[in-house]
């Protein structure tokens, strides 16, 4: 069988946070997902239109304002349901307060449609998403491990849990350093060395690289 090569496009938002959002799509069916739509959502939407992606889900790794600021636009443009971990619901419901604290003017996010069930995978086209609960940056932080259905995922979208050479901050409400370290070591670093890591800020890295040097 020919190699699976899902469409993965990242877009970086505006300063000062330069937040990454992602579009993933099955190369055969064109079904896809949007991960963490923020202020870069117009760029993601251009990809959706150009690649004729049928967005099936809007997946949120956590509920900090820079990762959810574009959910209203995403829902309006794509009509897809929004997924979030239940433990971040209170943070999500306080999005406008978060925005005001940072001096941002955003549209109120729509209600969450589904809470992640870590025991069940989510499907788009010929791919599946495994949800890994990785609290520490926020209580409901998750990482999304993506791969062809029935095969180990080789790409993980980690939000602000792990970065190239760094880790997520834990000084915001709900953050806890020891919990974050436990999530990185106990969940992410148990993945194979060749798993590609796509973070909420900064460049792509690899699990093996971060295990050795971070």
N, C-alpha and C. Protein backbone atom coordinates (compact mmCIF):
# COMPACT_ATOMS: atom_id res chain seq x y z
N UNK A 1 0.85 -1.18 0.00
CA UNK A 1 0.00 0.00 0.00
C UNK A 1 0.88 1.24 0.00
N UNK A 2 0.41 2.29 -0.63
CA UNK A 2 1.23 3.48 -0.72
C UNK A 2 1.28 4.19 0.62
N UNK A 3 2.34 4.94 0.81
CA UNK A 3 2.57 5.62 2.09
C UNK A 3 1.48 6.66 2.34
N UNK A 4 1.03 6.72 3.58
CA UNK A 4 0.08 7.76 3.98
C UNK A 4 0.83 9.06 4.19
N UNK A 5 0.36 10.12 3.60
CA UNK A 5 0.96 11.44 3.78
C UNK A 5 -0.16 12.46 3.94
N UNK A 6 -0.62 12.60 5.16
CA UNK A 6 -1.70 13.56 5.42
C UNK A 6 -1.23 14.97 5.14
N UNK A 7 -2.14 15.80 4.68
CA UNK A 7 -1.87 17.23 4.55
C UNK A 7 -1.78 17.83 5.94
N UNK A 8 -0.65 18.44 6.25
CA UNK A 8 -0.48 19.14 7.52
C UNK A 8 0.07 20.53 7.20
N UNK A 9 -0.71 21.54 7.52
CA UNK A 9 -0.29 22.92 7.29
C UNK A 9 -0.40 23.69 8.59
N UNK A 10 0.69 24.33 8.96
CA UNK A 10 0.68 25.18 10.13
C UNK A 10 0.67 26.64 9.73
N UNK A 11 0.07 27.48 10.56
CA UNK A 11 0.07 28.92 10.33
C UNK A 11 0.42 29.62 11.63
N UNK A 12 1.26 30.61 11.53
CA UNK A 12 1.68 31.35 12.72
C UNK A 12 0.95 32.68 12.80
N UNK A 13 0.49 33.02 13.99
CA UNK A 13 -0.27 34.24 14.18
C UNK A 13 0.60 35.46 14.39
N UNK A 14 0.01 36.49 14.93
CA UNK A 14 0.65 37.80 15.05
C UNK A 14 1.44 37.90 16.35
N UNK A 15 2.36 38.88 16.42
CA UNK A 15 3.04 39.14 17.69
C UNK A 15 2.04 39.65 18.72
N UNK A 16 2.31 39.51 20.02
CA UNK A 16 3.59 39.06 20.57
C UNK A 16 3.68 37.55 20.81
N UNK A 17 2.58 36.80 20.62
CA UNK A 17 2.62 35.38 21.03
C UNK A 17 3.00 34.45 19.89
N UNK A 18 2.79 34.84 18.64
CA UNK A 18 3.14 34.00 17.49
C UNK A 18 2.65 32.57 17.68
N UNK A 19 1.35 32.42 17.84
CA UNK A 19 0.76 31.11 18.13
C UNK A 19 0.54 30.31 16.84
N UNK A 20 0.85 29.02 16.90
CA UNK A 20 0.67 28.14 15.75
C UNK A 20 -0.71 27.48 15.77
N UNK A 21 -1.42 27.51 14.64
CA UNK A 21 -2.63 26.72 14.43
C UNK A 21 -2.38 25.77 13.27
N UNK A 22 -3.18 24.72 13.18
CA UNK A 22 -2.92 23.68 12.19
C UNK A 22 -4.19 23.23 11.47
N UNK A 23 -4.01 22.88 10.20
CA UNK A 23 -5.01 22.16 9.42
C UNK A 23 -4.43 20.82 9.06
N UNK A 24 -5.17 19.74 9.34
CA UNK A 24 -4.79 18.39 8.93
C UNK A 24 -5.88 17.85 8.02
N UNK A 25 -5.50 17.10 6.99
CA UNK A 25 -6.50 16.53 6.10
C UNK A 25 -6.01 15.21 5.53
N UNK A 26 -6.94 14.31 5.31
CA UNK A 26 -6.65 13.04 4.65
C UNK A 26 -6.41 13.32 3.17
N UNK A 27 -5.31 12.82 2.64
CA UNK A 27 -4.95 13.10 1.26
C UNK A 27 -5.88 12.42 0.26
N UNK A 28 -6.65 11.43 0.72
CA UNK A 28 -7.56 10.72 -0.18
C UNK A 28 -8.98 11.26 -0.11
N UNK A 29 -9.51 11.43 1.09
CA UNK A 29 -10.92 11.84 1.23
C UNK A 29 -11.09 13.35 1.36
N UNK A 30 -10.03 14.07 1.70
CA UNK A 30 -10.03 15.51 1.97
C UNK A 30 -10.80 15.87 3.24
N UNK A 31 -11.20 14.88 4.03
CA UNK A 31 -11.74 15.19 5.35
C UNK A 31 -10.60 15.64 6.25
N UNK A 32 -10.89 16.60 7.14
CA UNK A 32 -9.82 17.11 7.97
C UNK A 32 -10.29 17.69 9.28
N UNK A 33 -9.32 18.24 10.01
CA UNK A 33 -9.58 18.87 11.30
C UNK A 33 -8.78 20.16 11.38
N UNK A 34 -9.24 21.06 12.22
CA UNK A 34 -8.49 22.27 12.58
C UNK A 34 -8.10 22.14 14.04
N UNK A 35 -6.84 22.44 14.34
CA UNK A 35 -6.34 22.37 15.71
C UNK A 35 -5.99 23.78 16.17
N UNK A 36 -6.60 24.20 17.27
CA UNK A 36 -6.28 25.46 17.96
C UNK A 36 -6.39 26.70 17.07
N UNK A 37 -7.57 27.02 16.57
CA UNK A 37 -7.70 28.23 15.76
C UNK A 37 -7.57 29.48 16.63
N UNK A 38 -6.59 30.30 16.32
CA UNK A 38 -6.37 31.55 17.04
C UNK A 38 -6.41 32.73 16.10
N UNK A 39 -5.53 33.72 16.33
CA UNK A 39 -5.57 34.91 15.48
C UNK A 39 -5.04 34.65 14.07
N UNK A 40 -4.50 33.44 13.85
CA UNK A 40 -4.04 33.06 12.51
C UNK A 40 -5.12 32.35 11.70
N UNK A 41 -6.37 32.35 12.19
CA UNK A 41 -7.38 31.50 11.56
C UNK A 41 -7.63 31.85 10.10
N UNK A 42 -7.55 33.12 9.71
CA UNK A 42 -7.78 33.46 8.30
C UNK A 42 -6.79 32.74 7.39
N UNK A 43 -5.56 32.57 7.85
CA UNK A 43 -4.57 31.81 7.07
C UNK A 43 -4.98 30.35 6.96
N UNK A 44 -5.47 29.78 8.07
CA UNK A 44 -5.92 28.40 8.04
C UNK A 44 -7.12 28.23 7.11
N UNK A 45 -8.02 29.19 7.15
CA UNK A 45 -9.21 29.12 6.30
C UNK A 45 -8.82 29.17 4.82
N UNK A 46 -7.79 29.95 4.49
CA UNK A 46 -7.31 29.97 3.11
C UNK A 46 -6.83 28.60 2.66
N UNK A 47 -6.17 27.89 3.58
CA UNK A 47 -5.72 26.53 3.27
C UNK A 47 -6.91 25.60 3.07
N UNK A 48 -7.89 25.71 3.96
CA UNK A 48 -9.09 24.88 3.86
C UNK A 48 -9.75 25.07 2.49
N UNK A 49 -9.87 26.32 2.07
CA UNK A 49 -10.51 26.61 0.79
C UNK A 49 -9.66 26.13 -0.38
N UNK A 50 -8.35 26.43 -0.34
CA UNK A 50 -7.48 26.07 -1.46
C UNK A 50 -7.35 24.56 -1.63
N UNK A 51 -7.34 23.84 -0.52
CA UNK A 51 -7.17 22.38 -0.56
C UNK A 51 -8.50 21.63 -0.55
N UNK A 52 -9.61 22.39 -0.55
CA UNK A 52 -10.95 21.78 -0.55
C UNK A 52 -11.12 20.79 0.59
N UNK A 53 -10.70 21.22 1.78
CA UNK A 53 -10.79 20.38 2.97
C UNK A 53 -12.19 20.45 3.55
N UNK A 54 -12.75 19.30 3.87
CA UNK A 54 -14.03 19.21 4.55
C UNK A 54 -13.73 19.06 6.05
N UNK A 55 -13.84 20.16 6.78
CA UNK A 55 -13.47 20.15 8.20
C UNK A 55 -14.53 19.42 9.00
N UNK A 56 -14.13 18.35 9.66
CA UNK A 56 -15.05 17.53 10.46
C UNK A 56 -15.05 17.89 11.93
N UNK A 57 -13.93 18.45 12.44
CA UNK A 57 -13.82 18.74 13.87
C UNK A 57 -12.89 19.92 14.09
N UNK A 58 -13.16 20.67 15.14
CA UNK A 58 -12.28 21.71 15.64
C UNK A 58 -11.76 21.23 16.98
N UNK A 59 -10.48 20.95 17.07
CA UNK A 59 -9.89 20.31 18.24
C UNK A 59 -9.03 21.31 19.00
N UNK A 60 -9.28 21.45 20.29
CA UNK A 60 -8.56 22.41 21.12
C UNK A 60 -7.66 21.68 22.10
N UNK A 61 -6.36 21.98 22.05
CA UNK A 61 -5.44 21.32 22.99
C UNK A 61 -5.60 21.85 24.40
N UNK A 62 -6.03 23.10 24.52
CA UNK A 62 -6.33 23.69 25.83
C UNK A 62 -7.06 25.00 25.59
N UNK A 63 -7.44 25.68 26.65
CA UNK A 63 -8.37 26.80 26.51
C UNK A 63 -7.78 28.16 26.82
N UNK A 64 -6.47 28.34 26.68
CA UNK A 64 -5.93 29.69 26.79
C UNK A 64 -6.36 30.51 25.59
N UNK A 65 -6.51 31.82 25.79
CA UNK A 65 -7.16 32.67 24.80
C UNK A 65 -6.47 32.64 23.44
N UNK A 66 -5.14 32.54 23.41
CA UNK A 66 -4.46 32.56 22.11
C UNK A 66 -4.75 31.30 21.30
N UNK A 67 -5.22 30.24 21.95
CA UNK A 67 -5.52 28.99 21.24
C UNK A 67 -6.99 28.83 20.89
N UNK A 68 -7.83 29.72 21.41
CA UNK A 68 -9.27 29.60 21.14
C UNK A 68 -9.87 30.88 20.55
N UNK A 69 -9.04 31.91 20.32
CA UNK A 69 -9.57 33.19 19.86
C UNK A 69 -10.27 33.10 18.52
N UNK A 70 -9.95 32.09 17.72
CA UNK A 70 -10.56 31.95 16.41
C UNK A 70 -11.66 30.91 16.33
N UNK A 71 -12.11 30.41 17.47
CA UNK A 71 -13.12 29.34 17.43
C UNK A 71 -14.45 29.82 16.85
N UNK A 72 -14.83 31.06 17.15
CA UNK A 72 -16.10 31.57 16.61
C UNK A 72 -16.04 31.64 15.09
N UNK A 73 -14.94 32.15 14.56
CA UNK A 73 -14.76 32.20 13.11
C UNK A 73 -14.73 30.80 12.52
N UNK A 74 -14.04 29.89 13.19
CA UNK A 74 -13.91 28.53 12.68
C UNK A 74 -15.26 27.84 12.63
N UNK A 75 -16.02 28.00 13.69
CA UNK A 75 -17.34 27.37 13.73
C UNK A 75 -18.26 27.95 12.65
N UNK A 76 -18.22 29.28 12.48
CA UNK A 76 -19.06 29.93 11.48
C UNK A 76 -18.67 29.52 10.07
N UNK A 77 -17.38 29.39 9.82
CA UNK A 77 -16.90 29.10 8.47
C UNK A 77 -17.07 27.63 8.10
N UNK A 78 -16.88 26.74 9.08
CA UNK A 78 -16.81 25.31 8.78
C UNK A 78 -18.00 24.52 9.31
N UNK A 79 -18.70 25.05 10.32
CA UNK A 79 -19.84 24.34 10.88
C UNK A 79 -19.48 23.07 11.62
N UNK A 80 -18.20 22.92 11.97
CA UNK A 80 -17.75 21.69 12.61
C UNK A 80 -17.87 21.80 14.13
N UNK A 81 -18.06 20.67 14.82
CA UNK A 81 -18.16 20.69 16.28
C UNK A 81 -16.82 20.98 16.94
N UNK A 82 -16.89 21.56 18.13
CA UNK A 82 -15.72 21.94 18.90
C UNK A 82 -15.50 20.91 20.00
N UNK A 83 -14.26 20.46 20.13
CA UNK A 83 -13.88 19.47 21.15
C UNK A 83 -12.89 20.10 22.12
N UNK A 84 -13.07 19.81 23.41
CA UNK A 84 -12.20 20.30 24.47
C UNK A 84 -12.23 19.31 25.62
N UNK A 85 -11.18 19.28 26.42
CA UNK A 85 -11.20 18.44 27.62
C UNK A 85 -12.07 19.12 28.68
N UNK A 86 -12.85 18.33 29.37
CA UNK A 86 -13.80 18.87 30.36
C UNK A 86 -13.11 19.72 31.42
N UNK A 87 -11.89 19.37 31.79
CA UNK A 87 -11.20 20.08 32.88
C UNK A 87 -10.79 21.50 32.50
N UNK A 88 -10.91 21.85 31.22
CA UNK A 88 -10.60 23.22 30.80
C UNK A 88 -11.87 24.03 30.50
N UNK A 89 -13.03 23.50 30.83
CA UNK A 89 -14.27 24.20 30.49
C UNK A 89 -14.37 25.56 31.17
N UNK A 90 -14.02 25.64 32.44
CA UNK A 90 -14.14 26.92 33.14
C UNK A 90 -13.20 27.95 32.53
N UNK A 91 -12.03 27.51 32.10
CA UNK A 91 -11.09 28.41 31.44
C UNK A 91 -11.65 28.87 30.10
N UNK A 92 -12.26 27.96 29.36
CA UNK A 92 -12.86 28.29 28.07
C UNK A 92 -14.00 29.28 28.24
N UNK A 93 -14.80 29.08 29.26
CA UNK A 93 -15.94 29.97 29.50
C UNK A 93 -15.50 31.36 29.96
N UNK A 94 -14.24 31.49 30.36
CA UNK A 94 -13.69 32.79 30.76
C UNK A 94 -12.82 33.40 29.66
N UNK A 95 -13.03 32.98 28.42
CA UNK A 95 -12.20 33.47 27.32
C UNK A 95 -12.23 34.99 27.19
N UNK A 96 -13.40 35.59 27.30
CA UNK A 96 -13.48 37.05 27.16
C UNK A 96 -12.75 37.76 28.28
N UNK A 97 -12.79 37.20 29.48
CA UNK A 97 -12.05 37.78 30.58
C UNK A 97 -10.54 37.65 30.34
N UNK A 98 -10.13 36.50 29.80
CA UNK A 98 -8.72 36.33 29.44
C UNK A 98 -8.31 37.37 28.41
N UNK A 99 -9.16 37.55 27.40
CA UNK A 99 -8.85 38.50 26.33
C UNK A 99 -8.72 39.92 26.88
N UNK A 100 -9.64 40.29 27.78
CA UNK A 100 -9.60 41.63 28.36
C UNK A 100 -8.32 41.84 29.16
N UNK A 101 -7.89 40.81 29.87
CA UNK A 101 -6.66 40.91 30.67
C UNK A 101 -5.46 41.23 29.79
N UNK A 102 -5.43 40.63 28.57
CA UNK A 102 -4.31 40.86 27.66
C UNK A 102 -4.58 41.98 26.67
N UNK A 103 -5.68 42.70 26.84
CA UNK A 103 -5.99 43.82 25.97
C UNK A 103 -6.43 43.41 24.58
N UNK A 104 -7.05 42.24 24.45
CA UNK A 104 -7.49 41.74 23.16
C UNK A 104 -8.99 41.92 22.99
N UNK A 105 -9.40 42.12 21.78
CA UNK A 105 -10.83 42.25 21.46
C UNK A 105 -11.21 41.11 20.53
N UNK A 106 -11.92 40.11 21.05
CA UNK A 106 -12.25 38.94 20.25
C UNK A 106 -13.75 38.63 20.37
N UNK A 107 -14.21 37.83 19.46
CA UNK A 107 -15.60 37.39 19.50
C UNK A 107 -15.74 36.26 20.50
N UNK A 108 -16.83 36.25 21.24
CA UNK A 108 -17.07 35.21 22.24
C UNK A 108 -17.07 33.84 21.57
N UNK A 109 -16.38 32.86 22.12
CA UNK A 109 -16.36 31.54 21.51
C UNK A 109 -17.70 30.83 21.68
N UNK A 110 -18.08 30.01 20.71
CA UNK A 110 -19.33 29.26 20.83
C UNK A 110 -19.19 28.16 21.88
N UNK A 111 -20.30 27.58 22.32
CA UNK A 111 -20.23 26.51 23.31
C UNK A 111 -19.44 25.31 22.79
N UNK A 112 -18.84 24.59 23.72
CA UNK A 112 -18.18 23.33 23.38
C UNK A 112 -19.24 22.30 23.02
N UNK A 113 -19.00 21.55 21.95
CA UNK A 113 -19.96 20.53 21.52
C UNK A 113 -19.68 19.18 22.17
N UNK A 114 -18.41 18.83 22.31
CA UNK A 114 -18.05 17.51 22.84
C UNK A 114 -16.83 17.64 23.74
N UNK A 115 -16.82 16.85 24.80
CA UNK A 115 -15.63 16.72 25.62
C UNK A 115 -14.84 15.51 25.15
N UNK A 116 -13.52 15.66 25.13
CA UNK A 116 -12.66 14.56 24.72
C UNK A 116 -12.86 13.34 25.62
N UNK A 117 -12.86 12.17 25.02
CA UNK A 117 -12.86 10.90 25.74
C UNK A 117 -11.53 10.22 25.43
N UNK A 118 -10.55 10.27 26.37
CA UNK A 118 -9.24 9.70 26.09
C UNK A 118 -9.27 8.20 25.77
N UNK A 119 -10.38 7.53 26.07
CA UNK A 119 -10.44 6.09 25.78
C UNK A 119 -10.89 5.81 24.36
N UNK A 120 -11.28 6.84 23.63
CA UNK A 120 -11.80 6.65 22.27
C UNK A 120 -11.04 7.54 21.29
N UNK A 121 -10.77 7.02 20.11
CA UNK A 121 -10.11 7.81 19.08
C UNK A 121 -11.15 8.55 18.24
N UNK A 122 -10.69 9.60 17.57
CA UNK A 122 -11.52 10.38 16.67
C UNK A 122 -11.02 10.16 15.24
N UNK A 123 -11.93 10.07 14.28
CA UNK A 123 -11.54 9.74 12.92
C UNK A 123 -11.82 10.89 11.96
N UNK A 124 -10.91 11.08 11.02
CA UNK A 124 -11.16 11.93 9.86
C UNK A 124 -10.53 11.25 8.66
N UNK A 125 -11.34 10.95 7.65
CA UNK A 125 -10.84 10.22 6.50
C UNK A 125 -10.23 8.90 6.91
N UNK A 126 -9.01 8.63 6.46
CA UNK A 126 -8.32 7.39 6.79
C UNK A 126 -7.38 7.54 7.98
N UNK A 127 -7.57 8.58 8.76
CA UNK A 127 -6.72 8.86 9.91
C UNK A 127 -7.52 8.85 11.20
N UNK A 128 -6.78 8.68 12.30
CA UNK A 128 -7.41 8.75 13.60
C UNK A 128 -6.57 9.59 14.55
N UNK A 129 -7.25 10.18 15.51
CA UNK A 129 -6.62 11.03 16.52
C UNK A 129 -6.79 10.37 17.88
N UNK A 130 -5.69 10.10 18.54
CA UNK A 130 -5.72 9.61 19.91
C UNK A 130 -5.48 10.78 20.85
N UNK A 131 -6.33 10.90 21.85
CA UNK A 131 -6.27 12.03 22.78
C UNK A 131 -5.48 11.61 24.02
N UNK A 132 -4.41 12.34 24.31
CA UNK A 132 -3.56 12.08 25.47
C UNK A 132 -3.74 13.22 26.46
N UNK A 133 -4.30 12.93 27.62
CA UNK A 133 -4.48 13.97 28.63
C UNK A 133 -3.13 14.30 29.26
N UNK A 134 -2.71 15.55 29.12
CA UNK A 134 -1.40 15.97 29.61
C UNK A 134 -1.54 17.26 30.42
N UNK A 135 -2.13 17.19 31.60
CA UNK A 135 -2.31 18.40 32.41
C UNK A 135 -0.98 18.96 32.89
N UNK A 136 -1.04 20.19 33.35
CA UNK A 136 0.14 20.87 33.88
C UNK A 136 0.21 22.30 33.41
N UNK A 137 0.16 22.50 32.09
CA UNK A 137 0.05 23.86 31.56
C UNK A 137 -1.34 24.40 31.88
N UNK A 138 -2.35 23.57 31.66
CA UNK A 138 -3.71 23.80 32.14
C UNK A 138 -4.24 22.46 32.65
N UNK A 139 -5.30 22.46 33.46
CA UNK A 139 -5.82 21.19 33.97
C UNK A 139 -6.32 20.24 32.88
N UNK A 140 -6.87 20.81 31.81
CA UNK A 140 -7.43 19.98 30.75
C UNK A 140 -6.60 19.94 29.49
N UNK A 141 -5.32 20.22 29.61
CA UNK A 141 -4.45 20.18 28.44
C UNK A 141 -4.38 18.78 27.86
N UNK A 142 -4.41 18.69 26.53
CA UNK A 142 -4.28 17.40 25.85
C UNK A 142 -3.26 17.52 24.74
N UNK A 143 -2.70 16.38 24.36
CA UNK A 143 -1.88 16.26 23.17
C UNK A 143 -2.60 15.31 22.22
N UNK A 144 -2.52 15.57 20.94
CA UNK A 144 -3.27 14.84 19.92
C UNK A 144 -2.31 14.05 19.04
N UNK A 145 -2.35 12.74 19.18
CA UNK A 145 -1.47 11.85 18.43
C UNK A 145 -2.20 11.38 17.18
N UNK A 146 -1.63 11.67 16.02
CA UNK A 146 -2.32 11.45 14.75
C UNK A 146 -1.56 10.46 13.88
N UNK A 147 -2.31 9.53 13.28
CA UNK A 147 -1.70 8.59 12.35
C UNK A 147 -2.77 7.87 11.56
N UNK A 148 -2.36 7.08 10.56
CA UNK A 148 -3.32 6.29 9.79
C UNK A 148 -4.10 5.37 10.72
N UNK A 149 -5.37 5.19 10.44
CA UNK A 149 -6.22 4.33 11.28
C UNK A 149 -5.58 2.96 11.45
N UNK A 150 -5.51 2.50 12.69
CA UNK A 150 -4.96 1.18 12.98
C UNK A 150 -3.46 1.12 13.09
N UNK A 151 -2.79 2.26 12.97
CA UNK A 151 -1.32 2.30 13.06
C UNK A 151 -0.89 3.27 14.14
N UNK A 152 0.30 3.07 14.73
CA UNK A 152 0.78 4.02 15.73
C UNK A 152 0.95 5.40 15.12
N UNK A 153 0.49 6.40 15.83
CA UNK A 153 0.63 7.77 15.33
C UNK A 153 2.08 8.22 15.37
N UNK A 154 2.48 8.96 14.36
CA UNK A 154 3.85 9.46 14.28
C UNK A 154 3.92 10.98 14.30
N UNK A 155 2.78 11.63 14.55
CA UNK A 155 2.76 13.08 14.64
C UNK A 155 1.90 13.45 15.85
N UNK A 156 2.45 14.28 16.73
CA UNK A 156 1.71 14.65 17.93
C UNK A 156 1.66 16.18 18.03
N UNK A 157 0.45 16.66 18.26
CA UNK A 157 0.18 18.10 18.36
C UNK A 157 0.00 18.41 19.84
N UNK A 158 0.96 19.14 20.41
CA UNK A 158 1.11 19.19 21.86
C UNK A 158 0.66 20.49 22.50
N UNK A 159 0.09 21.42 21.73
CA UNK A 159 -0.31 22.68 22.33
C UNK A 159 0.88 23.35 22.99
N UNK A 160 0.71 23.74 24.25
CA UNK A 160 1.79 24.39 24.99
C UNK A 160 2.38 23.49 26.07
N UNK A 161 2.25 22.18 25.90
CA UNK A 161 2.84 21.25 26.86
C UNK A 161 4.35 21.17 26.69
N UNK A 162 4.81 21.10 25.43
CA UNK A 162 6.23 20.89 25.14
C UNK A 162 6.60 21.73 23.92
N UNK A 163 7.81 22.31 23.96
CA UNK A 163 8.35 23.06 22.84
C UNK A 163 9.73 22.53 22.48
N UNK A 164 10.24 22.98 21.36
CA UNK A 164 11.62 22.64 20.99
C UNK A 164 12.56 23.31 21.98
N UNK A 165 13.14 22.52 22.87
CA UNK A 165 14.09 23.03 23.84
C UNK A 165 13.48 23.71 25.05
N UNK A 166 12.17 23.59 25.23
CA UNK A 166 11.52 24.26 26.35
C UNK A 166 10.24 23.52 26.72
N UNK A 167 9.55 24.01 27.74
CA UNK A 167 8.28 23.44 28.17
C UNK A 167 7.28 24.56 28.41
N UNK A 168 6.02 24.20 28.57
CA UNK A 168 4.99 25.19 28.79
C UNK A 168 5.12 25.89 30.13
N UNK A 169 4.64 27.12 30.17
CA UNK A 169 4.67 27.87 31.42
C UNK A 169 3.60 27.34 32.36
N UNK A 170 3.84 27.52 33.65
CA UNK A 170 2.89 27.01 34.65
C UNK A 170 2.52 28.09 35.67
N UNK A 171 2.76 29.36 35.33
CA UNK A 171 2.48 30.44 36.26
C UNK A 171 1.12 31.08 36.03
N UNK A 172 0.35 30.55 35.09
CA UNK A 172 -1.00 31.03 34.86
C UNK A 172 -2.00 30.21 35.67
N UNK A 173 -3.22 30.71 35.89
CA UNK A 173 -4.20 29.96 36.69
C UNK A 173 -4.39 28.54 36.18
N UNK A 174 -4.33 27.57 37.10
CA UNK A 174 -4.49 26.17 36.73
C UNK A 174 -3.21 25.46 36.38
N UNK A 175 -2.11 26.21 36.26
CA UNK A 175 -0.83 25.59 35.92
C UNK A 175 -0.16 24.96 37.13
N UNK A 176 0.60 23.89 36.88
CA UNK A 176 1.33 23.23 37.96
C UNK A 176 2.57 22.57 37.37
N UNK A 177 3.74 23.01 37.82
CA UNK A 177 5.01 22.57 37.23
C UNK A 177 5.21 21.06 37.37
N UNK A 178 5.03 20.54 38.58
CA UNK A 178 5.26 19.11 38.80
C UNK A 178 4.33 18.25 37.96
N UNK A 179 3.07 18.70 37.83
CA UNK A 179 2.11 17.97 37.00
C UNK A 179 2.54 17.99 35.54
N UNK A 180 3.01 19.13 35.07
CA UNK A 180 3.47 19.24 33.68
C UNK A 180 4.65 18.32 33.42
N UNK A 181 5.63 18.31 34.31
CA UNK A 181 6.78 17.43 34.14
C UNK A 181 6.34 15.97 34.11
N UNK A 182 5.36 15.63 34.97
CA UNK A 182 4.84 14.26 34.96
C UNK A 182 4.17 13.91 33.65
N UNK A 183 3.46 14.86 33.05
CA UNK A 183 2.81 14.61 31.76
C UNK A 183 3.84 14.42 30.65
N UNK A 184 4.88 15.24 30.66
CA UNK A 184 5.91 15.14 29.62
C UNK A 184 6.66 13.82 29.74
N UNK A 185 7.09 13.50 30.94
CA UNK A 185 7.88 12.28 31.11
C UNK A 185 7.03 11.02 31.05
N UNK A 186 5.82 11.11 31.62
CA UNK A 186 5.00 9.91 31.73
C UNK A 186 4.13 9.63 30.53
N UNK A 187 3.91 10.64 29.67
CA UNK A 187 3.05 10.45 28.50
C UNK A 187 3.83 10.69 27.21
N UNK A 188 4.32 11.91 27.03
CA UNK A 188 4.97 12.23 25.75
C UNK A 188 6.28 11.48 25.55
N UNK A 189 7.10 11.39 26.60
CA UNK A 189 8.41 10.75 26.43
C UNK A 189 8.32 9.23 26.37
N UNK A 190 7.11 8.69 26.49
CA UNK A 190 6.92 7.26 26.26
C UNK A 190 6.63 6.96 24.79
N UNK A 191 6.45 8.01 23.99
CA UNK A 191 6.28 7.82 22.55
C UNK A 191 7.63 7.51 21.91
N UNK A 192 7.60 7.00 20.67
CA UNK A 192 8.84 6.62 19.98
C UNK A 192 9.66 7.86 19.61
N UNK A 193 10.97 7.66 19.47
CA UNK A 193 11.88 8.76 19.15
C UNK A 193 11.50 9.49 17.88
N UNK A 194 10.95 8.77 16.88
CA UNK A 194 10.71 9.37 15.57
C UNK A 194 9.35 10.05 15.45
N UNK A 195 8.64 10.22 16.55
CA UNK A 195 7.37 10.93 16.50
C UNK A 195 7.64 12.43 16.37
N UNK A 196 7.03 13.05 15.37
CA UNK A 196 7.19 14.48 15.13
C UNK A 196 6.31 15.27 16.10
N UNK A 197 6.86 16.34 16.65
CA UNK A 197 6.18 17.15 17.65
C UNK A 197 5.85 18.52 17.05
N UNK A 198 4.56 18.84 17.01
CA UNK A 198 4.09 20.13 16.52
C UNK A 198 3.53 20.92 17.70
N UNK A 199 4.21 22.00 18.04
CA UNK A 199 3.88 22.76 19.24
C UNK A 199 3.01 23.97 18.93
N UNK A 200 2.46 24.55 19.99
CA UNK A 200 1.64 25.74 19.85
C UNK A 200 2.43 27.00 19.58
N UNK A 201 3.74 26.94 19.81
CA UNK A 201 4.63 28.08 19.52
C UNK A 201 5.97 27.50 19.09
N UNK A 202 6.60 28.13 18.11
CA UNK A 202 7.94 27.71 17.72
C UNK A 202 7.95 26.59 16.69
N UNK A 203 9.15 26.07 16.39
CA UNK A 203 9.32 25.12 15.31
C UNK A 203 8.96 23.69 15.70
N UNK A 204 8.86 22.85 14.68
CA UNK A 204 8.65 21.42 14.87
C UNK A 204 9.90 20.80 15.49
N UNK A 205 9.70 19.72 16.27
CA UNK A 205 10.82 18.99 16.82
C UNK A 205 10.47 17.50 16.83
N UNK A 206 11.26 16.69 17.50
CA UNK A 206 11.05 15.24 17.57
C UNK A 206 11.07 14.80 19.03
N UNK A 207 10.32 13.75 19.34
CA UNK A 207 10.30 13.24 20.71
C UNK A 207 11.69 12.83 21.14
N UNK A 208 12.42 12.12 20.30
CA UNK A 208 13.78 11.67 20.67
C UNK A 208 14.69 12.83 20.96
N UNK A 209 14.62 13.86 20.15
CA UNK A 209 15.46 15.05 20.37
C UNK A 209 15.16 15.69 21.70
N UNK A 210 13.88 15.83 22.03
CA UNK A 210 13.52 16.48 23.29
C UNK A 210 13.85 15.59 24.49
N UNK A 211 13.70 14.30 24.34
CA UNK A 211 14.04 13.39 25.45
C UNK A 211 15.53 13.48 25.75
N UNK A 212 16.35 13.63 24.73
CA UNK A 212 17.81 13.66 24.93
C UNK A 212 18.31 15.01 25.42
N UNK A 213 17.71 16.10 24.97
CA UNK A 213 18.35 17.41 25.15
C UNK A 213 17.54 18.42 25.93
N UNK A 214 16.24 18.21 26.11
CA UNK A 214 15.40 19.23 26.73
C UNK A 214 15.52 19.15 28.26
